[in-house]
Amino acid sequence: MTRTGHALSSLRVRRLFLAAAKADKEVRRGLIVQARMRDKDEASPTPVRYGLTASKKIGSAVARNRARRRLRALAQEILPLEGKAGFDYVMIGRVHTAPRPWHKLKSDLRSALKTLHGKAPKDSKA
């Protein structure tokens, strides 16, 4: 693939996860995606930032780690091309994340991003 995408950065601070939780979200069978637009006034293009979450509802530590690994690989493959610069994305694993076929997980993320980018943002500041 010769298309270049946006730079990726990861969310590490709790307040950024909480800010994304107040913004728009889309639920799909394989995952939940929360998206928050950061300040629009920034002059330079900012990287796409993403965070991953998998709670104990998913199952054992092995199941949670597998779900996070799959979400991380999915984010690194899809977000540079289809994510928008200046957005924070939080991907939440579900029970169906680990066993879901890869192509269906990719289509879940793509459809969630398409819907989220079509919506007007609820929250544009942290």
N, C-alpha and C. Protein backbone atom coordinates (compact mmCIF):
# COMPACT_ATOMS: atom_id res chain seq x y z
N MET A 1 0.84 -1.17 0.00
CA MET A 1 0.00 0.00 0.00
C MET A 1 0.89 1.24 0.00
N THR A 2 0.67 2.15 -0.93
CA THR A 2 1.53 3.32 -1.05
C THR A 2 0.95 4.57 -0.39
N ARG A 3 -0.29 4.51 0.05
CA ARG A 3 -0.89 5.67 0.71
C ARG A 3 -0.21 5.94 2.04
N THR A 4 0.12 7.19 2.26
CA THR A 4 0.68 7.55 3.56
C THR A 4 -0.44 8.08 4.43
N GLY A 5 -0.32 7.86 5.70
CA GLY A 5 -1.37 8.27 6.61
C GLY A 5 -0.86 9.25 7.65
N HIS A 6 -1.66 9.42 8.67
CA HIS A 6 -1.34 10.30 9.78
C HIS A 6 -0.41 9.59 10.76
N ALA A 7 0.33 10.38 11.50
CA ALA A 7 1.16 9.83 12.56
C ALA A 7 0.26 9.37 13.70
N LEU A 8 0.66 8.33 14.40
CA LEU A 8 -0.11 7.81 15.53
C LEU A 8 0.63 8.07 16.83
N SER A 9 -0.15 8.33 17.85
CA SER A 9 0.38 8.51 19.19
C SER A 9 -0.61 7.84 20.13
N SER A 10 -0.14 7.40 21.31
CA SER A 10 -1.06 6.71 22.21
C SER A 10 -1.45 7.61 23.39
N LEU A 11 -2.66 7.40 23.87
CA LEU A 11 -3.15 8.10 25.06
C LEU A 11 -2.64 7.35 26.28
N ARG A 12 -2.08 8.07 27.23
CA ARG A 12 -1.53 7.43 28.43
C ARG A 12 -2.11 8.03 29.71
N VAL A 13 -2.75 9.18 29.62
CA VAL A 13 -3.19 9.92 30.81
C VAL A 13 -4.69 9.71 31.01
N ARG A 14 -5.09 9.45 32.24
CA ARG A 14 -6.48 9.14 32.56
C ARG A 14 -7.44 10.25 32.15
N ARG A 15 -7.05 11.49 32.31
CA ARG A 15 -7.97 12.59 31.99
C ARG A 15 -8.32 12.62 30.50
N LEU A 16 -7.41 12.16 29.64
CA LEU A 16 -7.70 12.11 28.21
C LEU A 16 -8.71 11.00 27.90
N PHE A 17 -8.62 9.89 28.62
CA PHE A 17 -9.61 8.82 28.47
C PHE A 17 -10.98 9.30 28.94
N LEU A 18 -11.00 10.04 30.05
CA LEU A 18 -12.27 10.55 30.58
C LEU A 18 -12.87 11.59 29.64
N ALA A 19 -12.04 12.41 29.02
CA ALA A 19 -12.54 13.40 28.07
C ALA A 19 -13.14 12.70 26.85
N ALA A 20 -12.51 11.64 26.40
CA ALA A 20 -13.05 10.89 25.25
C ALA A 20 -14.36 10.21 25.62
N ALA A 21 -14.50 9.80 26.87
CA ALA A 21 -15.73 9.14 27.31
C ALA A 21 -16.93 10.08 27.28
N LYS A 22 -16.68 11.40 27.39
CA LYS A 22 -17.77 12.37 27.34
C LYS A 22 -18.17 12.72 25.91
N ALA A 23 -17.37 12.33 24.95
CA ALA A 23 -17.62 12.66 23.55
C ALA A 23 -18.48 11.58 22.90
N ASP A 24 -18.56 11.61 21.58
CA ASP A 24 -19.39 10.66 20.84
C ASP A 24 -18.80 9.25 20.89
N LYS A 25 -19.70 8.27 20.80
CA LYS A 25 -19.24 6.88 20.74
C LYS A 25 -20.11 6.09 19.78
N GLU A 26 -19.52 5.04 19.27
CA GLU A 26 -20.22 4.11 18.38
C GLU A 26 -19.97 2.69 18.89
N VAL A 27 -21.04 1.92 18.97
CA VAL A 27 -20.96 0.55 19.45
C VAL A 27 -21.11 -0.40 18.28
N ARG A 28 -20.19 -1.31 18.17
CA ARG A 28 -20.24 -2.37 17.17
C ARG A 28 -20.08 -3.70 17.90
N ARG A 29 -20.34 -4.79 17.22
CA ARG A 29 -20.27 -6.10 17.86
C ARG A 29 -18.86 -6.39 18.39
N GLY A 30 -17.85 -6.01 17.65
CA GLY A 30 -16.48 -6.34 18.05
C GLY A 30 -15.81 -5.33 18.95
N LEU A 31 -16.30 -4.08 18.99
CA LEU A 31 -15.64 -3.05 19.79
C LEU A 31 -16.54 -1.84 19.95
N ILE A 32 -16.13 -0.98 20.86
CA ILE A 32 -16.77 0.33 21.05
C ILE A 32 -15.69 1.36 20.76
N VAL A 33 -16.06 2.39 19.99
CA VAL A 33 -15.10 3.44 19.65
C VAL A 33 -15.65 4.77 20.16
N GLN A 34 -14.83 5.47 20.95
CA GLN A 34 -15.15 6.82 21.41
C GLN A 34 -14.22 7.77 20.67
N ALA A 35 -14.75 8.88 20.19
CA ALA A 35 -13.92 9.84 19.44
C ALA A 35 -14.16 11.24 19.95
N ARG A 36 -13.06 11.97 20.15
CA ARG A 36 -13.14 13.35 20.61
C ARG A 36 -12.23 14.20 19.76
N MET A 37 -12.77 15.31 19.26
CA MET A 37 -11.95 16.24 18.49
C MET A 37 -11.24 17.17 19.46
N ARG A 38 -9.93 17.29 19.27
CA ARG A 38 -9.16 18.23 20.08
C ARG A 38 -9.34 19.63 19.50
N ASP A 39 -8.62 20.60 20.03
CA ASP A 39 -8.75 21.99 19.58
C ASP A 39 -8.58 22.10 18.07
N LYS A 40 -9.53 22.79 17.45
CA LYS A 40 -9.47 23.02 16.01
C LYS A 40 -8.54 24.18 15.67
N ASP A 41 -8.19 24.98 16.67
CA ASP A 41 -7.42 26.19 16.42
C ASP A 41 -5.92 25.95 16.24
N GLU A 42 -5.47 24.74 16.49
CA GLU A 42 -4.04 24.46 16.38
C GLU A 42 -3.60 24.59 14.93
N ALA A 43 -2.50 25.32 14.71
CA ALA A 43 -2.04 25.59 13.35
C ALA A 43 -1.38 24.38 12.70
N SER A 44 -0.58 23.66 13.46
CA SER A 44 0.12 22.51 12.88
C SER A 44 -0.74 21.25 12.98
N PRO A 45 -0.59 20.35 12.01
CA PRO A 45 -1.36 19.11 12.08
C PRO A 45 -0.89 18.25 13.26
N THR A 46 -1.83 17.78 14.04
CA THR A 46 -1.50 16.98 15.20
C THR A 46 -1.72 15.50 14.89
N PRO A 47 -1.02 14.63 15.58
CA PRO A 47 -1.17 13.20 15.28
C PRO A 47 -2.52 12.67 15.74
N VAL A 48 -2.89 11.57 15.17
CA VAL A 48 -4.06 10.83 15.63
C VAL A 48 -3.63 10.12 16.90
N ARG A 49 -4.40 10.30 17.97
CA ARG A 49 -4.06 9.64 19.22
C ARG A 49 -5.11 8.58 19.52
N TYR A 50 -4.68 7.46 20.07
CA TYR A 50 -5.63 6.40 20.40
C TYR A 50 -5.27 5.77 21.75
N GLY A 51 -6.30 5.23 22.39
CA GLY A 51 -6.13 4.51 23.64
C GLY A 51 -6.92 3.22 23.58
N LEU A 52 -6.53 2.26 24.39
CA LEU A 52 -7.18 0.96 24.42
C LEU A 52 -7.65 0.65 25.83
N THR A 53 -8.82 0.01 25.92
CA THR A 53 -9.35 -0.39 27.22
C THR A 53 -10.00 -1.76 27.07
N ALA A 54 -9.79 -2.60 28.06
CA ALA A 54 -10.44 -3.90 28.13
C ALA A 54 -10.72 -4.19 29.59
N SER A 55 -11.98 -4.23 29.97
CA SER A 55 -12.33 -4.41 31.38
C SER A 55 -12.45 -5.90 31.73
N LYS A 56 -12.68 -6.16 33.00
CA LYS A 56 -12.80 -7.54 33.47
C LYS A 56 -14.06 -8.23 32.96
N LYS A 57 -14.99 -7.47 32.39
CA LYS A 57 -16.19 -8.06 31.81
C LYS A 57 -15.83 -9.01 30.67
N ILE A 58 -14.70 -8.76 30.03
CA ILE A 58 -14.27 -9.58 28.90
C ILE A 58 -13.89 -10.98 29.35
N GLY A 59 -13.25 -11.08 30.51
CA GLY A 59 -12.86 -12.39 31.00
C GLY A 59 -11.53 -12.32 31.73
N SER A 60 -10.78 -13.40 31.61
CA SER A 60 -9.50 -13.52 32.31
C SER A 60 -8.47 -12.55 31.74
N ALA A 61 -7.33 -12.48 32.40
CA ALA A 61 -6.25 -11.61 31.93
C ALA A 61 -5.78 -12.01 30.54
N VAL A 62 -5.80 -13.29 30.27
CA VAL A 62 -5.39 -13.77 28.94
C VAL A 62 -6.34 -13.23 27.87
N ALA A 63 -7.64 -13.28 28.13
CA ALA A 63 -8.64 -12.79 27.18
C ALA A 63 -8.53 -11.28 27.00
N ARG A 64 -8.30 -10.56 28.11
CA ARG A 64 -8.17 -9.10 28.02
C ARG A 64 -6.93 -8.71 27.24
N ASN A 65 -5.82 -9.39 27.50
CA ASN A 65 -4.59 -9.08 26.77
C ASN A 65 -4.71 -9.39 25.29
N ARG A 66 -5.38 -10.49 24.96
CA ARG A 66 -5.57 -10.83 23.54
C ARG A 66 -6.43 -9.77 22.86
N ALA A 67 -7.49 -9.34 23.55
CA ALA A 67 -8.36 -8.30 22.98
C ALA A 67 -7.57 -7.00 22.77
N ARG A 68 -6.74 -6.61 23.73
CA ARG A 68 -5.94 -5.39 23.59
C ARG A 68 -4.92 -5.52 22.47
N ARG A 69 -4.29 -6.67 22.34
CA ARG A 69 -3.33 -6.88 21.24
C ARG A 69 -4.00 -6.75 19.88
N ARG A 70 -5.20 -7.32 19.76
CA ARG A 70 -5.93 -7.24 18.49
C ARG A 70 -6.35 -5.79 18.21
N LEU A 71 -6.81 -5.08 19.25
CA LEU A 71 -7.21 -3.68 19.06
C LEU A 71 -6.01 -2.82 18.69
N ARG A 72 -4.85 -3.08 19.30
CA ARG A 72 -3.64 -2.31 18.98
C ARG A 72 -3.24 -2.53 17.52
N ALA A 73 -3.26 -3.77 17.06
CA ALA A 73 -2.93 -4.07 15.67
C ALA A 73 -3.94 -3.43 14.73
N LEU A 74 -5.21 -3.46 15.11
CA LEU A 74 -6.26 -2.86 14.31
C LEU A 74 -6.07 -1.35 14.22
N ALA A 75 -5.76 -0.71 15.34
CA ALA A 75 -5.54 0.75 15.35
C ALA A 75 -4.35 1.12 14.48
N GLN A 76 -3.27 0.36 14.55
CA GLN A 76 -2.08 0.68 13.78
C GLN A 76 -2.29 0.45 12.29
N GLU A 77 -3.23 -0.40 11.94
CA GLU A 77 -3.50 -0.65 10.52
C GLU A 77 -4.52 0.33 9.94
N ILE A 78 -5.56 0.67 10.69
CA ILE A 78 -6.68 1.45 10.16
C ILE A 78 -6.57 2.95 10.46
N LEU A 79 -6.21 3.32 11.68
CA LEU A 79 -6.25 4.73 12.08
C LEU A 79 -5.32 5.66 11.29
N PRO A 80 -4.11 5.24 10.89
CA PRO A 80 -3.30 6.18 10.10
C PRO A 80 -3.94 6.55 8.77
N LEU A 81 -4.75 5.66 8.23
CA LEU A 81 -5.37 5.91 6.93
C LEU A 81 -6.76 6.53 7.05
N GLU A 82 -7.54 6.08 8.02
CA GLU A 82 -8.94 6.51 8.10
C GLU A 82 -9.26 7.38 9.30
N GLY A 83 -8.33 7.52 10.23
CA GLY A 83 -8.53 8.42 11.35
C GLY A 83 -8.25 9.85 10.90
N LYS A 84 -8.83 10.81 11.59
CA LYS A 84 -8.61 12.21 11.25
C LYS A 84 -7.62 12.83 12.22
N ALA A 85 -6.73 13.66 11.68
CA ALA A 85 -5.75 14.36 12.52
C ALA A 85 -6.50 15.26 13.49
N GLY A 86 -6.00 15.33 14.71
CA GLY A 86 -6.64 16.17 15.72
C GLY A 86 -7.72 15.44 16.51
N PHE A 87 -7.88 14.14 16.29
CA PHE A 87 -8.87 13.36 17.02
C PHE A 87 -8.19 12.45 18.02
N ASP A 88 -8.88 12.21 19.13
CA ASP A 88 -8.50 11.18 20.10
C ASP A 88 -9.52 10.06 19.98
N TYR A 89 -9.04 8.84 19.85
CA TYR A 89 -9.92 7.68 19.76
C TYR A 89 -9.62 6.75 20.92
N VAL A 90 -10.67 6.26 21.56
CA VAL A 90 -10.52 5.22 22.57
C VAL A 90 -11.30 4.01 22.08
N MET A 91 -10.60 2.89 21.98
CA MET A 91 -11.20 1.65 21.51
C MET A 91 -11.37 0.74 22.73
N ILE A 92 -12.61 0.31 22.95
CA ILE A 92 -12.93 -0.51 24.11
C ILE A 92 -13.23 -1.92 23.63
N GLY A 93 -12.53 -2.87 24.21
CA GLY A 93 -12.73 -4.27 23.85
C GLY A 93 -14.02 -4.81 24.43
N ARG A 94 -14.60 -5.77 23.72
CA ARG A 94 -15.81 -6.43 24.18
C ARG A 94 -15.56 -7.93 24.22
N VAL A 95 -16.55 -8.66 24.68
CA VAL A 95 -16.43 -10.11 24.76
C VAL A 95 -16.15 -10.71 23.38
N HIS A 96 -16.69 -10.10 22.34
CA HIS A 96 -16.55 -10.62 20.98
C HIS A 96 -15.29 -10.13 20.27
N THR A 97 -14.47 -9.32 20.91
CA THR A 97 -13.28 -8.78 20.25
C THR A 97 -12.27 -9.87 19.92
N ALA A 98 -11.93 -10.70 20.88
CA ALA A 98 -10.89 -11.72 20.67
C ALA A 98 -11.29 -12.79 19.65
N PRO A 99 -12.50 -13.36 19.73
CA PRO A 99 -12.82 -14.43 18.77
C PRO A 99 -13.34 -13.93 17.41
N ARG A 100 -13.60 -12.65 17.27
CA ARG A 100 -14.18 -12.12 16.03
C ARG A 100 -13.18 -12.24 14.88
N PRO A 101 -13.65 -12.66 13.70
CA PRO A 101 -12.75 -12.72 12.53
C PRO A 101 -12.15 -11.35 12.23
N TRP A 102 -10.90 -11.34 11.78
CA TRP A 102 -10.16 -10.11 11.57
C TRP A 102 -10.85 -9.17 10.59
N HIS A 103 -11.35 -9.69 9.48
CA HIS A 103 -11.98 -8.82 8.48
C HIS A 103 -13.26 -8.17 9.02
N LYS A 104 -13.97 -8.87 9.91
CA LYS A 104 -15.17 -8.28 10.50
C LYS A 104 -14.80 -7.21 11.54
N LEU A 105 -13.72 -7.44 12.26
CA LEU A 105 -13.25 -6.45 13.23
C LEU A 105 -12.81 -5.17 12.50
N LYS A 106 -12.14 -5.34 11.36
CA LYS A 106 -11.73 -4.18 10.56
C LYS A 106 -12.95 -3.43 10.04
N SER A 107 -13.96 -4.15 9.58
CA SER A 107 -15.16 -3.47 9.07
C SER A 107 -15.93 -2.79 10.20
N ASP A 108 -15.89 -3.38 11.42
CA ASP A 108 -16.52 -2.73 12.58
C ASP A 108 -15.87 -1.37 12.85
N LEU A 109 -14.54 -1.34 12.86
CA LEU A 109 -13.84 -0.08 13.12
C LEU A 109 -14.08 0.93 12.00
N ARG A 110 -14.01 0.48 10.78
CA ARG A 110 -14.23 1.41 9.65
C ARG A 110 -15.63 2.01 9.69
N SER A 111 -16.65 1.21 9.95
CA SER A 111 -18.02 1.74 9.97
C SER A 111 -18.22 2.68 11.16
N ALA A 112 -17.60 2.35 12.31
CA ALA A 112 -17.71 3.23 13.47
C ALA A 112 -17.04 4.58 13.19
N LEU A 113 -15.86 4.56 12.56
CA LEU A 113 -15.16 5.81 12.23
C LEU A 113 -15.97 6.64 11.24
N LYS A 114 -16.54 5.99 10.26
CA LYS A 114 -17.33 6.71 9.26
C LYS A 114 -18.52 7.41 9.93
N THR A 115 -19.18 6.72 10.84
CA THR A 115 -20.32 7.31 11.54
C THR A 115 -19.87 8.44 12.47
N LEU A 116 -18.79 8.23 13.20
CA LEU A 116 -18.29 9.25 14.13
C LEU A 116 -17.83 10.51 13.40
N HIS A 117 -17.20 10.36 12.26
CA HIS A 117 -16.74 11.53 11.52
C HIS A 117 -17.89 12.28 10.87
N GLY A 118 -19.01 11.61 10.68
CA GLY A 118 -20.19 12.27 10.12
C GLY A 118 -20.97 13.07 11.14
N LYS A 119 -20.75 12.78 12.43
CA LYS A 119 -21.47 13.48 13.50
C LYS A 119 -20.80 14.79 13.84
N ALA A 120 -21.57 15.71 14.40
CA ALA A 120 -21.00 16.94 14.95
C ALA A 120 -20.46 16.59 16.33
N PRO A 121 -19.26 17.06 16.68
CA PRO A 121 -18.66 16.71 17.99
C PRO A 121 -19.45 17.31 19.16
N LYS A 122 -19.59 16.54 20.23
CA LYS A 122 -20.24 17.01 21.46
C LYS A 122 -19.28 17.87 22.26
N ASP A 123 -18.03 17.40 22.32
CA ASP A 123 -17.03 18.04 23.20
C ASP A 123 -15.76 18.27 22.42
N SER A 124 -15.33 19.52 22.34
CA SER A 124 -14.13 19.80 21.56
C SER A 124 -12.96 20.26 22.42
N LYS A 125 -13.13 20.29 23.73
CA LYS A 125 -12.03 20.69 24.61
C LYS A 125 -11.89 19.69 25.74
N ALA A 126 -10.66 19.57 26.25
CA ALA A 126 -10.39 18.59 27.32
C ALA A 126 -10.89 19.05 28.65
